[in-house]
Protein backbone atom coordinates (compact mmCIF):
# COMPACT_ATOMS: atom_id res chain seq x y z
CA UNK A 1 69.83 -56.37 173.72
CA UNK A 2 68.82 -53.53 175.98
CA UNK A 3 65.50 -51.92 175.61
CA UNK A 4 66.22 -48.22 174.82
CA UNK A 5 62.91 -47.22 176.45
CA UNK A 6 64.08 -48.39 179.83
CA UNK A 7 65.95 -45.73 181.71
CA UNK A 8 68.61 -46.65 184.20
CA UNK A 9 66.62 -44.61 186.74
CA UNK A 10 63.97 -47.51 186.63
CA UNK A 11 66.53 -49.73 188.26
CA UNK A 12 66.97 -47.54 191.38
CA UNK A 13 64.45 -49.24 193.67
CA UNK A 14 63.99 -50.79 197.07
CA UNK A 15 65.99 -53.86 196.07
CA UNK A 16 69.00 -51.67 195.41
CA UNK A 17 68.65 -50.07 198.85
CA UNK A 18 68.64 -53.60 200.37
CA UNK A 19 71.86 -54.33 198.51
CA UNK A 20 73.48 -51.26 200.16
CA UNK A 21 72.75 -52.35 203.71
CA UNK A 22 73.45 -56.02 203.23
CA UNK A 23 76.58 -55.35 201.18
CA UNK A 24 77.94 -53.19 204.01
CA UNK A 25 77.15 -55.88 206.57
CA UNK A 26 78.74 -58.53 204.42
CA UNK A 27 82.07 -56.66 203.88
CA UNK A 28 82.64 -55.34 207.39
CA UNK A 29 83.84 -58.52 209.10
CA UNK A 30 86.27 -59.26 206.23
CA UNK A 31 87.85 -55.84 206.37
CA UNK A 32 88.16 -56.05 210.13
CA UNK A 33 90.23 -59.17 209.61
CA UNK A 34 92.23 -57.65 206.74
CA UNK A 35 92.72 -54.05 208.07
CA UNK A 36 92.00 -53.62 211.76
CA UNK A 37 93.35 -56.98 212.92
CA UNK A 38 96.47 -56.55 210.75
CA UNK A 39 97.11 -53.05 212.16
CA UNK A 40 96.56 -54.15 215.71
CA UNK A 41 98.94 -57.01 215.39
CA UNK A 42 101.52 -55.00 213.48
CA UNK A 43 101.52 -52.26 216.15
CA UNK A 44 102.05 -54.99 218.80
CA UNK A 45 105.29 -56.04 217.02
CA UNK A 46 104.42 -59.09 214.84
CA UNK A 47 106.76 -59.33 211.80
CA UNK A 48 105.74 -59.43 208.19
CA UNK A 49 105.99 -63.22 207.89
CA UNK A 50 103.75 -63.88 210.91
CA UNK A 51 101.23 -61.37 209.60
CA UNK A 52 101.17 -63.16 206.24
CA UNK A 53 100.47 -66.47 207.90
CA UNK A 54 97.43 -64.84 209.63
CA UNK A 55 95.73 -64.92 206.21
CA UNK A 56 95.09 -68.59 207.01
CA UNK A 57 92.46 -67.67 209.49
CA UNK A 58 90.26 -66.91 206.48
CA UNK A 59 90.07 -70.51 205.42
CA UNK A 60 86.21 -70.50 205.99
CA UNK A 61 85.85 -68.24 202.97
CA UNK A 62 87.37 -70.97 200.89
CA UNK A 63 85.43 -73.92 202.30
CA UNK A 64 82.01 -72.39 202.97
CA UNK A 65 80.46 -74.45 200.24
CA UNK A 66 80.82 -77.42 202.58
CA UNK A 67 78.17 -76.24 205.00
CA UNK A 68 76.10 -74.16 202.57
CA UNK A 69 73.75 -77.13 201.90
CA UNK A 70 72.72 -76.86 205.53
CA UNK A 71 71.71 -73.29 204.98
CA UNK A 72 69.69 -74.29 201.91
CA UNK A 73 68.05 -77.24 203.79
CA UNK A 74 67.21 -75.78 207.22
CA UNK A 75 65.54 -72.57 208.31
CA UNK A 76 64.62 -70.61 211.54
CA UNK A 77 60.85 -70.92 211.76
CA UNK A 78 58.87 -67.89 210.60
CA UNK A 79 62.01 -65.85 209.65
CA UNK A 80 62.67 -68.24 206.78
CA UNK A 81 65.86 -69.68 205.39
CA UNK A 82 67.66 -66.50 204.24
CA UNK A 83 66.56 -64.02 206.91
CA UNK A 84 66.98 -66.54 209.77
CA UNK A 85 70.58 -67.34 208.91
CA UNK A 86 71.34 -63.70 208.28
CA UNK A 87 70.01 -62.58 211.64
CA UNK A 88 71.90 -65.35 213.55
CA UNK A 89 75.27 -64.67 211.88
CA UNK A 90 74.96 -60.90 212.18
CA UNK A 91 74.25 -61.07 215.92
CA UNK A 92 77.07 -63.54 216.60
CA UNK A 93 79.47 -61.35 214.53
CA UNK A 94 78.69 -58.35 216.64
CA UNK A 95 79.59 -60.26 219.81
CA UNK A 96 82.60 -62.01 218.22
CA UNK A 97 84.22 -58.84 216.82
CA UNK A 98 83.76 -56.98 220.10
CA UNK A 99 85.18 -59.86 222.06
CA UNK A 100 88.23 -60.21 219.75
CA UNK A 101 89.59 -56.77 220.91
CA UNK A 102 89.43 -57.82 224.51
CA UNK A 103 92.36 -60.25 224.02
CA UNK A 104 96.01 -59.38 224.56
CA UNK A 105 98.11 -59.38 221.31
CA UNK A 106 101.36 -59.83 223.25
CA UNK A 107 100.39 -62.96 225.13
CA UNK A 108 97.31 -64.48 223.44
CA UNK A 109 98.21 -64.64 219.76
CA UNK A 110 96.95 -68.30 219.41
CA UNK A 111 93.67 -67.33 221.08
CA UNK A 112 93.43 -64.32 218.74
CA UNK A 113 93.99 -66.58 215.74
CA UNK A 114 91.25 -68.94 217.01
CA UNK A 115 88.65 -66.13 217.60
CA UNK A 116 89.59 -64.58 214.29
CA UNK A 117 88.91 -67.92 212.65
CA UNK A 118 85.44 -68.06 214.36
CA UNK A 119 84.64 -64.52 213.06
CA UNK A 120 85.77 -65.59 209.55
CA UNK A 121 83.41 -68.65 209.84
CA UNK A 122 80.52 -66.54 210.85
CA UNK A 123 81.27 -63.91 208.20
CA UNK A 124 81.45 -66.59 205.49
CA UNK A 125 78.24 -68.00 206.67
CA UNK A 126 76.57 -64.63 206.60
CA UNK A 127 77.84 -64.26 203.00
CA UNK A 128 76.18 -67.49 202.02
CA UNK A 129 72.80 -66.30 203.24
CA UNK A 130 73.12 -62.73 201.88
CA UNK A 131 74.30 -63.82 198.48
CA UNK A 132 71.44 -66.29 198.15
CA UNK A 133 68.92 -63.64 199.39
CA UNK A 134 70.32 -61.10 196.87
CA UNK A 135 70.25 -63.56 193.97
CA UNK A 136 66.64 -64.45 194.81
CA UNK A 137 65.27 -60.86 195.02
CA UNK A 138 67.04 -59.57 191.85
CA UNK A 139 65.65 -60.34 188.37
CA UNK A 140 68.39 -61.11 185.81
CA UNK A 141 68.39 -57.66 184.20
CA UNK A 142 69.28 -56.14 187.59
CA UNK A 143 72.17 -58.45 188.40
CA UNK A 144 74.76 -56.00 187.07
CA UNK A 145 73.56 -52.93 188.83
CA UNK A 146 72.69 -54.85 192.00
CA UNK A 147 76.13 -56.43 192.07
CA UNK A 148 77.86 -53.13 191.59
CA UNK A 149 75.86 -51.61 194.43
CA UNK A 150 76.52 -54.57 196.65
CA UNK A 151 80.24 -54.67 195.84
CA UNK A 152 80.75 -50.93 196.41
CA UNK A 153 78.80 -51.09 199.70
CA UNK A 154 81.00 -54.05 200.56
CA UNK A 155 84.10 -51.98 199.86
CA UNK A 156 82.82 -48.93 201.59
CA UNK A 157 82.43 -50.97 204.76
CA UNK A 158 86.19 -51.12 204.75
CA UNK A 159 86.27 -47.43 205.66
CA UNK A 160 85.22 -48.33 209.21
CA UNK A 161 88.02 -50.73 210.19
CA UNK A 162 90.42 -49.23 207.72
CA UNK A 163 89.97 -45.54 208.41
CA UNK A 164 87.72 -44.64 211.43
CA UNK A 165 88.98 -47.46 213.55
CA UNK A 166 92.58 -46.66 212.90
CA UNK A 167 92.08 -43.00 213.75
CA UNK A 168 90.28 -43.93 217.00
CA UNK A 169 93.13 -46.34 217.82
CA UNK A 170 95.43 -43.30 218.22
CA UNK A 171 93.20 -41.80 220.96
CA UNK A 172 91.47 -44.69 222.82
CA UNK A 173 92.12 -48.35 223.90
CA UNK A 174 91.92 -51.09 221.27
CA UNK A 175 89.10 -52.86 223.22
CA UNK A 176 86.87 -49.81 222.81
CA UNK A 177 87.79 -49.50 219.17
CA UNK A 178 86.81 -53.13 218.53
CA UNK A 179 83.40 -52.68 220.19
CA UNK A 180 82.69 -49.47 218.28
CA UNK A 181 83.63 -51.22 215.02
CA UNK A 182 81.39 -54.17 215.92
CA UNK A 183 78.52 -51.79 216.33
CA UNK A 184 78.50 -51.12 212.58
CA UNK A 185 77.01 -54.60 212.16
CA UNK A 186 73.70 -53.41 213.68
CA UNK A 187 72.28 -51.55 210.62
CA UNK A 188 72.47 -54.72 208.61
CA UNK A 189 70.78 -56.67 211.37
CA UNK A 190 67.89 -54.09 211.40
CA UNK A 191 67.64 -54.41 207.63
CA UNK A 192 67.30 -58.17 207.99
CA UNK A 193 64.43 -57.73 210.43
CA UNK A 194 62.60 -55.28 208.09
CA UNK A 195 62.84 -57.06 204.76
CA UNK A 196 60.61 -59.93 203.58
CA UNK A 197 61.77 -63.48 202.87
CA UNK A 198 62.15 -63.95 199.09
CA UNK A 199 59.74 -66.15 197.20
CA UNK A 200 61.21 -69.60 196.79
CA UNK A 201 61.88 -70.61 193.10
CA UNK A 202 60.76 -74.23 192.92
CA UNK A 203 60.81 -76.51 195.90
CA UNK A 204 63.49 -76.11 198.62
CA UNK A 205 65.61 -79.22 199.24
CA UNK A 206 63.62 -81.86 201.10
CA UNK A 207 66.59 -83.80 202.37
CA UNK A 208 70.32 -83.29 202.99
CA UNK A 209 71.18 -85.65 200.10
CA UNK A 210 69.18 -83.45 197.71
CA UNK A 211 70.69 -80.27 199.21
CA UNK A 212 74.27 -81.64 198.68
CA UNK A 213 74.09 -83.61 195.45
CA UNK A 214 71.64 -81.67 193.23
CA UNK A 215 73.51 -78.36 193.04
CA UNK A 216 76.73 -79.99 191.93
CA UNK A 217 75.09 -82.33 189.53
CA UNK A 218 73.19 -79.48 187.86
CA UNK A 219 76.34 -77.37 187.42
CA UNK A 220 78.37 -80.25 185.90
CA UNK A 221 75.61 -81.46 183.59
CA UNK A 222 74.55 -78.02 182.40
CA UNK A 223 77.19 -77.90 179.68
CA UNK A 224 79.52 -80.76 180.47
CA UNK A 225 82.64 -81.23 182.54
CA UNK A 226 84.78 -79.24 180.16
CA UNK A 227 82.79 -76.08 180.41
CA UNK A 228 82.48 -76.51 184.18
CA UNK A 229 86.31 -76.67 184.54
CA UNK A 230 86.70 -73.53 182.36
CA UNK A 231 84.25 -71.65 184.58
CA UNK A 232 85.97 -72.76 187.79
CA UNK A 233 89.43 -71.85 186.46
CA UNK A 234 88.23 -68.48 185.42
CA UNK A 235 86.68 -67.82 188.84
CA UNK A 236 89.98 -68.75 190.44
CA UNK A 237 92.21 -66.62 188.22
CA UNK A 238 90.26 -63.42 187.44
CA UNK A 239 90.94 -61.73 190.87
CA UNK A 240 94.25 -63.48 191.65
CA UNK A 241 96.65 -60.61 190.99
CA UNK A 242 94.46 -57.99 192.66
CA UNK A 243 93.90 -60.15 195.71
CA UNK A 244 97.59 -60.73 196.22
CA UNK A 245 98.49 -57.03 195.70
CA UNK A 246 96.20 -55.87 198.49
CA UNK A 247 96.85 -58.77 200.92
CA UNK A 248 99.30 -56.82 203.03
CA UNK A 249 98.39 -53.28 202.03
CA UNK A 250 98.34 -51.89 205.50
CA UNK A 251 101.78 -53.37 206.25
CA UNK A 252 103.00 -51.92 202.97
CA UNK A 253 101.87 -48.45 203.86
CA UNK A 254 103.49 -48.75 207.32
CA UNK A 255 106.79 -49.92 205.82
CA UNK A 256 106.79 -46.95 203.46
CA UNK A 257 106.69 -44.61 206.47
CA UNK A 258 103.07 -43.50 206.50
CA UNK A 259 101.56 -42.91 209.99
CA UNK A 260 98.36 -44.54 211.13
CA UNK A 261 96.53 -41.28 210.84
CA UNK A 262 97.77 -40.81 207.24
CA UNK A 263 96.74 -44.33 206.31
CA UNK A 264 93.31 -43.78 207.86
CA UNK A 265 92.62 -40.25 206.56
CA UNK A 266 94.41 -39.99 203.21
CA UNK A 267 94.40 -43.54 201.95
CA UNK A 268 91.05 -44.70 203.17
CA UNK A 269 89.19 -41.41 202.54
CA UNK A 270 90.41 -41.36 198.96
CA UNK A 271 89.20 -44.94 198.66
CA UNK A 272 85.77 -43.86 199.84
CA UNK A 273 85.13 -41.35 197.18
CA UNK A 274 86.72 -43.45 194.45
CA UNK A 275 84.49 -46.33 195.42
CA UNK A 276 81.38 -44.19 195.37
CA UNK A 277 82.23 -42.84 191.88
CA UNK A 278 83.14 -46.45 190.76
CA UNK A 279 79.87 -47.70 192.01
CA UNK A 280 77.83 -45.06 190.19
CA UNK A 281 79.84 -45.27 186.95
CA UNK A 282 80.11 -49.08 186.99
CA UNK A 283 76.47 -49.69 187.80
CA UNK A 284 75.18 -47.41 185.13
CA UNK A 285 77.79 -48.47 182.63
CA UNK A 286 77.07 -52.13 183.09
CA UNK A 287 73.42 -51.64 182.19
CA UNK A 288 74.68 -50.48 178.79
CA UNK A 289 77.59 -52.84 178.49
CA UNK A 290 76.23 -56.03 179.85
CA UNK A 291 78.13 -58.43 182.09
CA UNK A 292 80.39 -59.83 179.42
CA UNK A 293 81.83 -56.58 178.20
CA UNK A 294 82.03 -55.32 181.73
CA UNK A 295 84.34 -58.19 182.50
CA UNK A 296 86.66 -57.13 179.61
CA UNK A 297 86.77 -53.37 180.22
CA UNK A 298 86.69 -53.45 183.95
CA UNK A 299 89.22 -56.28 184.09
CA UNK A 300 91.77 -54.20 182.15
CA UNK A 301 91.34 -51.24 184.56
CA UNK A 302 91.62 -53.63 187.48
CA UNK A 303 94.95 -55.06 186.27
CA UNK A 304 96.41 -51.62 185.43
CA UNK A 305 95.53 -50.44 188.97
CA UNK A 306 98.02 -52.97 190.37
CA UNK A 307 100.93 -51.15 188.70
CA UNK A 308 100.05 -48.09 190.84
CA UNK A 309 101.34 -49.85 193.89
CA UNK A 310 104.66 -50.42 192.21
CA UNK A 311 104.82 -46.69 191.48
CA UNK A 312 104.08 -45.93 195.10
CA UNK A 313 106.77 -48.41 196.23
CA UNK A 314 109.36 -46.31 194.28
CA UNK A 315 107.89 -42.93 195.16
CA UNK A 316 108.01 -43.53 198.92
CA UNK A 317 105.84 -41.86 201.57
CA UNK A 318 104.33 -39.17 199.26
CA UNK A 319 100.76 -38.42 200.39
CA UNK A 320 99.61 -37.28 196.94
CA UNK A 321 100.88 -40.40 195.31
CA UNK A 322 99.18 -42.50 197.91
CA UNK A 323 95.90 -40.68 197.28
CA UNK A 324 96.18 -41.29 193.47
CA UNK A 325 97.15 -44.89 193.65
CA UNK A 326 94.60 -45.93 196.22
CA UNK A 327 91.85 -43.89 194.49
CA UNK A 328 92.53 -45.54 191.17
CA UNK A 329 92.71 -49.00 192.80
CA UNK A 330 89.44 -48.52 194.60
CA UNK A 331 87.72 -47.32 191.33
CA UNK A 332 89.26 -49.96 189.00
CA UNK A 333 88.98 -52.88 191.29
CA UNK A 334 85.53 -51.93 192.34
CA UNK A 335 84.47 -52.06 188.69
CA UNK A 336 86.13 -55.43 188.11
CA UNK A 337 84.59 -56.95 191.19
CA UNK A 338 81.12 -55.72 190.29
CA UNK A 339 81.26 -57.41 186.90
CA UNK A 340 82.83 -60.54 188.40
CA UNK A 341 80.15 -60.95 191.06
CA UNK A 342 77.41 -60.35 188.49
CA UNK A 343 78.99 -63.12 186.34
CA UNK A 344 79.00 -65.52 189.35
CA UNK A 345 75.38 -64.71 190.08
CA UNK A 346 74.42 -65.40 186.48
CA UNK A 347 76.10 -68.82 186.65
CA UNK A 348 74.02 -69.98 189.54
CA UNK A 349 70.78 -71.92 189.11
CA UNK A 350 68.01 -70.17 191.22
CA UNK A 351 66.94 -73.51 192.62
CA UNK A 352 70.32 -74.01 194.34
CA UNK A 353 71.39 -70.44 194.99
CA UNK A 354 73.18 -70.74 198.32
CA UNK A 355 75.21 -73.88 197.56
CA UNK A 356 76.32 -72.92 194.01
CA UNK A 357 77.06 -69.37 194.94
CA UNK A 358 79.06 -70.50 197.97
CA UNK A 359 80.92 -72.91 195.76
CA UNK A 360 81.96 -70.22 193.26
CA UNK A 361 82.78 -67.50 195.86
CA UNK A 362 84.71 -70.08 197.95
CA UNK A 363 86.88 -70.81 194.89
CA UNK A 364 87.33 -67.07 194.31
CA UNK A 365 88.55 -66.79 197.97
CA UNK A 366 91.28 -69.42 197.49
CA UNK A 367 93.88 -66.82 196.44
CA UNK A 368 93.03 -64.62 199.43
CA UNK A 369 93.40 -67.47 201.86
CA UNK A 370 96.10 -69.86 200.69
CA UNK A 371 98.04 -67.90 198.06
CA UNK A 372 98.01 -64.78 200.15
CA UNK A 373 99.49 -66.63 203.07
CA UNK A 374 102.73 -66.81 201.13
CA UNK A 375 102.76 -63.04 200.29
CA UNK A 376 104.88 -62.19 203.31
CA UNK A 377 107.61 -64.61 202.20
CA UNK A 378 107.44 -63.37 198.59
CA UNK A 379 107.71 -59.74 199.74
CA UNK A 380 110.66 -60.61 202.04
CA UNK A 381 112.41 -62.19 199.02
CA UNK A 382 111.57 -59.79 196.12
CA UNK A 383 110.82 -56.50 197.81
CA UNK A 384 107.60 -54.51 197.38
CA UNK A 385 108.28 -53.23 193.78
CA UNK A 386 108.97 -56.60 192.19
CA UNK A 387 106.13 -58.10 194.16
CA UNK A 388 103.61 -55.75 192.60
CA UNK A 389 105.00 -56.43 189.11
CA UNK A 390 104.50 -60.16 189.79
CA UNK A 391 100.90 -59.51 190.93
CA UNK A 392 100.25 -57.66 187.55
CA UNK A 393 101.51 -60.65 185.56
CA UNK A 394 99.27 -62.97 187.58
CA UNK A 395 96.32 -60.81 186.60
CA UNK A 396 96.73 -61.66 182.91
CA UNK A 397 95.77 -65.36 182.69
CA UNK A 398 92.15 -64.65 183.76
CA UNK A 399 91.83 -61.97 181.10
CA UNK A 400 93.07 -64.30 178.47
CA UNK A 401 90.20 -66.65 179.19
CA UNK A 402 87.50 -64.10 178.42
CA UNK A 403 87.04 -65.00 174.71
CA UNK A 404 85.87 -68.43 175.88
CA UNK A 405 84.13 -67.47 179.16
CA UNK A 406 82.42 -64.24 178.25
CA UNK A 407 82.61 -63.47 174.45
CA UNK A 408 82.64 -59.79 173.70
CA UNK A 409 79.95 -60.02 170.89
CA UNK A 410 77.51 -62.14 172.92
CA UNK A 411 74.10 -60.51 172.92
CA UNK A 412 72.64 -59.87 176.38
CA UNK A 413 68.91 -60.26 176.78
CA UNK A 414 67.11 -58.23 179.35
CA UNK A 415 63.57 -57.71 180.63
CA UNK A 416 61.97 -54.66 182.21
CA UNK A 417 62.57 -54.20 185.95
CA UNK A 418 60.17 -55.99 188.30
CA UNK A 419 57.47 -53.77 189.74
CA UNK A 420 57.92 -52.69 193.32
């Protein structure tokens, strides 16, 4: 159990600052695809069904485990495995995001889908490197707080394409908006240049066969096929309802009658403060609770937050309702995601960080990619209110698996934080 002599202040160190910058860099491309791209295409006249199908451009997030062994096996000279791949993907993302906005949404929709897929591929690859880097610099007792900080920085990055960029879109051309948004990749790139390559735990893979086979064999043989299937099922289900509920959030707000400025200022600003509070509360709380109990408590809050969208669907374009619903969603889902990511990190073997983490997070991205592609059709058939009730129901199976996956009474062992 926790050592009472260790204050949570002891966990606020340089590693947590790194989690802030890399978490922001990791989340920005995803939210560009989810928020800015969606708003851009919606304003150009694409219907809800076509917008829903655009979720398919995110397929790299689901399949990134296929090329993650390459990122475990190869490196960029003196920069090392993690920093080298981080630098390459961050630079390419800056150029790709800026270039995306130079296309014409009225005549080049197929090309936009292609470039968006490339951005998603680079973003997923950046996630592989950053996740592995974070897992390798954090001792086990810092996984909870480090994940909370990373997740909330990840969510805070959504304020750029989901708020600032939307406001700018009302006063300047979309091409300029995309290049300004792309510029927010640069702080993460600078962080990558300043940090040190983590110390390798054991020997890196010496061949592609070892890089591909060993991580999967270790996971399956760790506690048998049965346990492996339970873990994979839980990873798929825990965020399913929340992922579906927010898949077409911007379109939902537009359909209700909110203006672009209202969405940017009211919705996203409320999300900012709720995420900050959620990060502070969740990170400190998880030090006391541990990862298992965090999954229980934060998961309940995450599920209840979905019902807020159903309330908003009935209330209509009421700014104060929007602020409450989005604030609670950002707070609750931020908590749930922090515990979920900490759990995934705990399930990885440090010898095969990139490949195993990519496998788990790829599975977690399945709902966002393939299931979410059907959201437009579901909404067209059920309407927004019934859709959000369905999302709440789909959040329950993952919670029901917790007694097997993360027992409430399981004792969590920790060690003092590593010295700086």
